[in-house]
Amino acid sequence: MVFISKNWKISVAPVVLMLVLFIFVPAFNAGTVGIMVPVSVLFTLGVSRFLYKKGFLD
């Protein structure tokens, strides 16, 4: 949470990912939502690393 409050660019990727998944795959139930939390965390870490390597993050 601290990193997201310091740099809003980190929060865009997981929000977009979750919106796309919930819009295009509406059949999520309680089991699959529980799996999506770690997937979202890994996705956010990957995107954050990519943004850092490309120089978009301070």
PDB file of N, CA and C in Angstrom:
ATOM      1  N   MET A   1       0.813  -1.188   0.000  1.00  0.00           N
ATOM      2  CA  MET A   1       0.000   0.000   0.000  1.00  0.00           C
ATOM      3  C   MET A   1       0.859   1.256   0.000  1.00  0.00           C
ATOM      4  N   VAL A   2       1.988   1.191   0.679  1.00  0.00           N
ATOM      5  CA  VAL A   2       2.874   2.354   0.753  1.00  0.00           C
ATOM      6  C   VAL A   2       3.406   2.699  -0.629  1.00  0.00           C
ATOM      7  N   PHE A   3       3.794   1.678  -1.402  1.00  0.00           N
ATOM      8  CA  PHE A   3       4.340   1.924  -2.740  1.00  0.00           C
ATOM      9  C   PHE A   3       3.276   2.487  -3.671  1.00  0.00           C
ATOM     10  N   ILE A   4       2.057   2.007  -3.544  1.00  0.00           N
ATOM     11  CA  ILE A   4       0.979   2.497  -4.396  1.00  0.00           C
ATOM     12  C   ILE A   4       0.650   3.947  -4.058  1.00  0.00           C
ATOM     13  N   SER A   5       0.674   4.297  -2.791  1.00  0.00           N
ATOM     14  CA  SER A   5       0.377   5.681  -2.433  1.00  0.00           C
ATOM     15  C   SER A   5       1.493   6.628  -2.875  1.00  0.00           C
ATOM     16  N   LYS A   6       2.713   6.132  -2.973  1.00  0.00           N
ATOM     17  CA  LYS A   6       3.811   6.961  -3.437  1.00  0.00           C
ATOM     18  C   LYS A   6       3.823   7.085  -4.956  1.00  0.00           C
ATOM     19  N   ASN A   7       3.391   6.040  -5.662  1.00  0.00           N
ATOM     20  CA  ASN A   7       3.443   6.058  -7.115  1.00  0.00           C
ATOM     21  C   ASN A   7       2.178   5.413  -7.659  1.00  0.00           C
ATOM     22  N   TRP A   8       1.267   6.210  -8.188  1.00  0.00           N
ATOM     23  CA  TRP A   8      -0.034   5.731  -8.646  1.00  0.00           C
ATOM     24  C   TRP A   8       0.079   4.839  -9.873  1.00  0.00           C
ATOM     25  N   LYS A   9       1.176   4.907 -10.613  1.00  0.00           N
ATOM     26  CA  LYS A   9       1.327   4.098 -11.824  1.00  0.00           C
ATOM     27  C   LYS A   9       1.314   2.609 -11.513  1.00  0.00           C
ATOM     28  N   ILE A  10       1.743   2.257 -10.317  1.00  0.00           N
ATOM     29  CA  ILE A  10       1.766   0.844  -9.923  1.00  0.00           C
ATOM     30  C   ILE A  10       0.349   0.294  -9.774  1.00  0.00           C
ATOM     31  N   SER A  11      -0.586   1.119  -9.374  1.00  0.00           N
ATOM     32  CA  SER A  11      -1.942   0.642  -9.103  1.00  0.00           C
ATOM     33  C   SER A  11      -2.801   0.498 -10.354  1.00  0.00           C
ATOM     34  N   VAL A  12      -2.398   1.077 -11.468  1.00  0.00           N
ATOM     35  CA  VAL A  12      -3.222   1.031 -12.674  1.00  0.00           C
ATOM     36  C   VAL A  12      -3.317  -0.391 -13.236  1.00  0.00           C
ATOM     37  N   ALA A  13      -2.202  -1.090 -13.309  1.00  0.00           N
ATOM     38  CA  ALA A  13      -2.170  -2.427 -13.914  1.00  0.00           C
ATOM     39  C   ALA A  13      -3.101  -3.432 -13.223  1.00  0.00           C
ATOM     40  N   PRO A  14      -3.050  -3.596 -11.895  1.00  0.00           N
ATOM     41  CA  PRO A  14      -3.953  -4.587 -11.285  1.00  0.00           C
ATOM     42  C   PRO A  14      -5.426  -4.196 -11.378  1.00  0.00           C
ATOM     43  N   VAL A  15      -5.711  -2.903 -11.324  1.00  0.00           N
ATOM     44  CA  VAL A  15      -7.107  -2.466 -11.447  1.00  0.00           C
ATOM     45  C   VAL A  15      -7.640  -2.801 -12.835  1.00  0.00           C
ATOM     46  N   VAL A  16      -6.855  -2.510 -13.859  1.00  0.00           N
ATOM     47  CA  VAL A  16      -7.270  -2.821 -15.231  1.00  0.00           C
ATOM     48  C   VAL A  16      -7.410  -4.326 -15.425  1.00  0.00           C
ATOM     49  N   LEU A  17      -6.452  -5.093 -14.911  1.00  0.00           N
ATOM     50  CA  LEU A  17      -6.525  -6.558 -15.023  1.00  0.00           C
ATOM     51  C   LEU A  17      -7.803  -7.095 -14.393  1.00  0.00           C
ATOM     52  N   MET A  18      -8.108  -6.677 -13.186  1.00  0.00           N
ATOM     53  CA  MET A  18      -9.293  -7.182 -12.501  1.00  0.00           C
ATOM     54  C   MET A  18     -10.578  -6.724 -13.192  1.00  0.00           C
ATOM     55  N   LEU A  19     -10.626  -5.495 -13.665  1.00  0.00           N
ATOM     56  CA  LEU A  19     -11.813  -5.030 -14.395  1.00  0.00           C
ATOM     57  C   LEU A  19     -12.040  -5.854 -15.659  1.00  0.00           C
ATOM     58  N   VAL A  20     -10.986  -6.087 -16.404  1.00  0.00           N
ATOM     59  CA  VAL A  20     -11.110  -6.883 -17.633  1.00  0.00           C
ATOM     60  C   VAL A  20     -11.566  -8.300 -17.311  1.00  0.00           C
ATOM     61  N   LEU A  21     -10.980  -8.903 -16.294  1.00  0.00           N
ATOM     62  CA  LEU A  21     -11.369 -10.277 -15.936  1.00  0.00           C
ATOM     63  C   LEU A  21     -12.813 -10.352 -15.465  1.00  0.00           C
ATOM     64  N   PHE A  22     -13.238  -9.427 -14.633  1.00  0.00           N
ATOM     65  CA  PHE A  22     -14.602  -9.488 -14.117  1.00  0.00           C
ATOM     66  C   PHE A  22     -15.647  -9.106 -15.161  1.00  0.00           C
ATOM     67  N   ILE A  23     -15.259  -8.312 -16.159  1.00  0.00           N
ATOM     68  CA  ILE A  23     -16.201  -7.962 -17.224  1.00  0.00           C
ATOM     69  C   ILE A  23     -16.322  -9.096 -18.235  1.00  0.00           C
ATOM     70  N   PHE A  24     -15.182  -9.661 -18.651  1.00  0.00           N
ATOM     71  CA  PHE A  24     -15.209 -10.659 -19.715  1.00  0.00           C
ATOM     72  C   PHE A  24     -15.356 -12.091 -19.223  1.00  0.00           C
ATOM     73  N   VAL A  25     -15.127 -12.337 -17.941  1.00  0.00           N
ATOM     74  CA  VAL A  25     -15.315 -13.666 -17.361  1.00  0.00           C
ATOM     75  C   VAL A  25     -16.217 -13.522 -16.144  1.00  0.00           C
ATOM     76  N   PRO A  26     -17.514 -13.362 -16.358  1.00  0.00           N
ATOM     77  CA  PRO A  26     -18.414 -13.098 -15.231  1.00  0.00           C
ATOM     78  C   PRO A  26     -18.723 -14.326 -14.373  1.00  0.00           C
ATOM     79  N   ALA A  27     -18.189 -15.473 -14.721  1.00  0.00           N
ATOM     80  CA  ALA A  27     -18.517 -16.704 -13.999  1.00  0.00           C
ATOM     81  C   ALA A  27     -17.603 -16.958 -12.807  1.00  0.00           C
ATOM     82  N   PHE A  28     -16.947 -15.930 -12.294  1.00  0.00           N
ATOM     83  CA  PHE A  28     -16.099 -16.120 -11.118  1.00  0.00           C
ATOM     84  C   PHE A  28     -16.962 -16.467  -9.910  1.00  0.00           C
ATOM     85  N   ASN A  29     -16.502 -17.423  -9.133  1.00  0.00           N
ATOM     86  CA  ASN A  29     -17.165 -17.751  -7.872  1.00  0.00           C
ATOM     87  C   ASN A  29     -16.158 -17.536  -6.739  1.00  0.00           C
ATOM     88  N   ALA A  30     -16.501 -17.915  -5.537  1.00  0.00           N
ATOM     89  CA  ALA A  30     -15.640 -17.648  -4.385  1.00  0.00           C
ATOM     90  C   ALA A  30     -14.281 -18.331  -4.510  1.00  0.00           C
ATOM     91  N   GLY A  31     -14.231 -19.517  -5.100  1.00  0.00           N
ATOM     92  CA  GLY A  31     -12.963 -20.232  -5.245  1.00  0.00           C
ATOM     93  C   GLY A  31     -12.011 -19.568  -6.209  1.00  0.00           C
ATOM     94  N   THR A  32     -12.532 -19.105  -7.322  1.00  0.00           N
ATOM     95  CA  THR A  32     -11.653 -18.483  -8.312  1.00  0.00           C
ATOM     96  C   THR A  32     -11.230 -17.075  -7.908  1.00  0.00           C
ATOM     97  N   VAL A  33     -12.040 -16.379  -7.159  1.00  0.00           N
ATOM     98  CA  VAL A  33     -11.652 -15.051  -6.680  1.00  0.00           C
ATOM     99  C   VAL A  33     -10.491 -15.190  -5.697  1.00  0.00           C
ATOM    100  N   GLY A  34     -10.499 -16.216  -4.888  1.00  0.00           N
ATOM    101  CA  GLY A  34      -9.392 -16.469  -3.965  1.00  0.00           C
ATOM    102  C   GLY A  34      -8.090 -16.762  -4.682  1.00  0.00           C
ATOM    103  N   ILE A  35      -8.173 -17.352  -5.841  1.00  0.00           N
ATOM    104  CA  ILE A  35      -6.982 -17.636  -6.637  1.00  0.00           C
ATOM    105  C   ILE A  35      -6.491 -16.365  -7.328  1.00  0.00           C
ATOM    106  N   MET A  36      -7.408 -15.483  -7.675  1.00  0.00           N
ATOM    107  CA  MET A  36      -7.036 -14.277  -8.410  1.00  0.00           C
ATOM    108  C   MET A  36      -6.249 -13.276  -7.564  1.00  0.00           C
ATOM    109  N   VAL A  37      -6.338 -13.340  -6.262  1.00  0.00           N
ATOM    110  CA  VAL A  37      -5.575 -12.416  -5.415  1.00  0.00           C
ATOM    111  C   VAL A  37      -4.072 -12.654  -5.583  1.00  0.00           C
ATOM    112  N   PRO A  38      -3.580 -13.889  -5.433  1.00  0.00           N
ATOM    113  CA  PRO A  38      -2.137 -14.091  -5.657  1.00  0.00           C
ATOM    114  C   PRO A  38      -1.724 -13.837  -7.104  1.00  0.00           C
ATOM    115  N   VAL A  39      -2.596 -14.150  -8.053  1.00  0.00           N
ATOM    116  CA  VAL A  39      -2.297 -13.877  -9.457  1.00  0.00           C
ATOM    117  C   VAL A  39      -2.158 -12.377  -9.673  1.00  0.00           C
ATOM    118  N   SER A  40      -3.033 -11.609  -9.077  1.00  0.00           N
ATOM    119  CA  SER A  40      -2.972 -10.150  -9.190  1.00  0.00           C
ATOM    120  C   SER A  40      -1.705  -9.599  -8.550  1.00  0.00           C
ATOM    121  N   VAL A  41      -1.306 -10.150  -7.433  1.00  0.00           N
ATOM    122  CA  VAL A  41      -0.079  -9.705  -6.763  1.00  0.00           C
ATOM    123  C   VAL A  41       1.131  -9.975  -7.658  1.00  0.00           C
ATOM    124  N   LEU A  42       1.202 -11.175  -8.215  1.00  0.00           N
ATOM    125  CA  LEU A  42       2.317 -11.507  -9.101  1.00  0.00           C
ATOM    126  C   LEU A  42       2.316 -10.636 -10.354  1.00  0.00           C
ATOM    127  N   PHE A  43       1.145 -10.399 -10.899  1.00  0.00           N
ATOM    128  CA  PHE A  43       1.019  -9.534 -12.069  1.00  0.00           C
ATOM    129  C   PHE A  43       1.496  -8.117 -11.743  1.00  0.00           C
ATOM    130  N   THR A  44       1.104  -7.607 -10.581  1.00  0.00           N
ATOM    131  CA  THR A  44       1.501  -6.270 -10.168  1.00  0.00           C
ATOM    132  C   THR A  44       3.010  -6.184  -9.972  1.00  0.00           C
ATOM    133  N   LEU A  45       3.598  -7.199  -9.367  1.00  0.00           N
ATOM    134  CA  LEU A  45       5.046  -7.209  -9.197  1.00  0.00           C
ATOM    135  C   LEU A  45       5.759  -7.225 -10.545  1.00  0.00           C
ATOM    136  N   GLY A  46       5.255  -8.020 -11.480  1.00  0.00           N
ATOM    137  CA  GLY A  46       5.857  -8.087 -12.807  1.00  0.00           C
ATOM    138  C   GLY A  46       5.763  -6.763 -13.550  1.00  0.00           C
ATOM    139  N   VAL A  47       4.599  -6.149 -13.517  1.00  0.00           N
ATOM    140  CA  VAL A  47       4.416  -4.859 -14.190  1.00  0.00           C
ATOM    141  C   VAL A  47       5.261  -3.786 -13.517  1.00  0.00           C
ATOM    142  N   SER A  48       5.337  -3.803 -12.205  1.00  0.00           N
ATOM    143  CA  SER A  48       6.140  -2.821 -11.482  1.00  0.00           C
ATOM    144  C   SER A  48       7.613  -2.957 -11.830  1.00  0.00           C
ATOM    145  N   ARG A  49       8.086  -4.183 -11.915  1.00  0.00           N
ATOM    146  CA  ARG A  49       9.489  -4.415 -12.287  1.00  0.00           C
ATOM    147  C   ARG A  49       9.752  -3.923 -13.713  1.00  0.00           C
ATOM    148  N   PHE A  50       8.819  -4.211 -14.626  1.00  0.00           N
ATOM    149  CA  PHE A  50       8.950  -3.758 -16.005  1.00  0.00           C
ATOM    150  C   PHE A  50       8.996  -2.236 -16.075  1.00  0.00           C
ATOM    151  N   LEU A  51       8.094  -1.569 -15.361  1.00  0.00           N
ATOM    152  CA  LEU A  51       8.072  -0.114 -15.353  1.00  0.00           C
ATOM    153  C   LEU A  51       9.353   0.469 -14.759  1.00  0.00           C
ATOM    154  N   TYR A  52       9.875  -0.182 -13.726  1.00  0.00           N
ATOM    155  CA  TYR A  52      11.109   0.285 -13.108  1.00  0.00           C
ATOM    156  C   TYR A  52      12.279   0.135 -14.071  1.00  0.00           C
ATOM    157  N   LYS A  53      12.362  -1.003 -14.726  1.00  0.00           N
ATOM    158  CA  LYS A  53      13.461  -1.248 -15.672  1.00  0.00           C
ATOM    159  C   LYS A  53      13.421  -0.272 -16.851  1.00  0.00           C
ATOM    160  N   LYS A  54      12.223   0.111 -17.278  1.00  0.00           N
ATOM    161  CA  LYS A  54      12.079   1.038 -18.402  1.00  0.00           C
ATOM    162  C   LYS A  54      12.222   2.501 -17.982  1.00  0.00           C
ATOM    163  N   GLY A  55      12.326   2.747 -16.678  1.00  0.00           N
ATOM    164  CA  GLY A  55      12.541   4.103 -16.191  1.00  0.00           C
ATOM    165  C   GLY A  55      11.281   4.921 -15.976  1.00  0.00           C
ATOM    166  N   PHE A  56      10.124   4.265 -15.928  1.00  0.00           N
ATOM    167  CA  PHE A  56       8.875   4.995 -15.722  1.00  0.00           C
ATOM    168  C   PHE A  56       8.593   5.258 -14.248  1.00  0.00           C
ATOM    169  N   LEU A  57       9.255   4.552 -13.361  1.00  0.00           N
ATOM    170  CA  LEU A  57       9.069   4.756 -11.930  1.00  0.00           C
ATOM    171  C   LEU A  57      10.273   5.481 -11.360  1.00  0.00           C
ATOM    172  N   ASP A  58      10.012   6.352 -10.424  1.00  0.00           N
ATOM    173  CA  ASP A  58      11.113   7.117  -9.810  1.00  0.00           C
ATOM    174  C   ASP A  58      11.823   6.307  -8.762  1.00  0.00           C
TER     175      ASP A  58
END
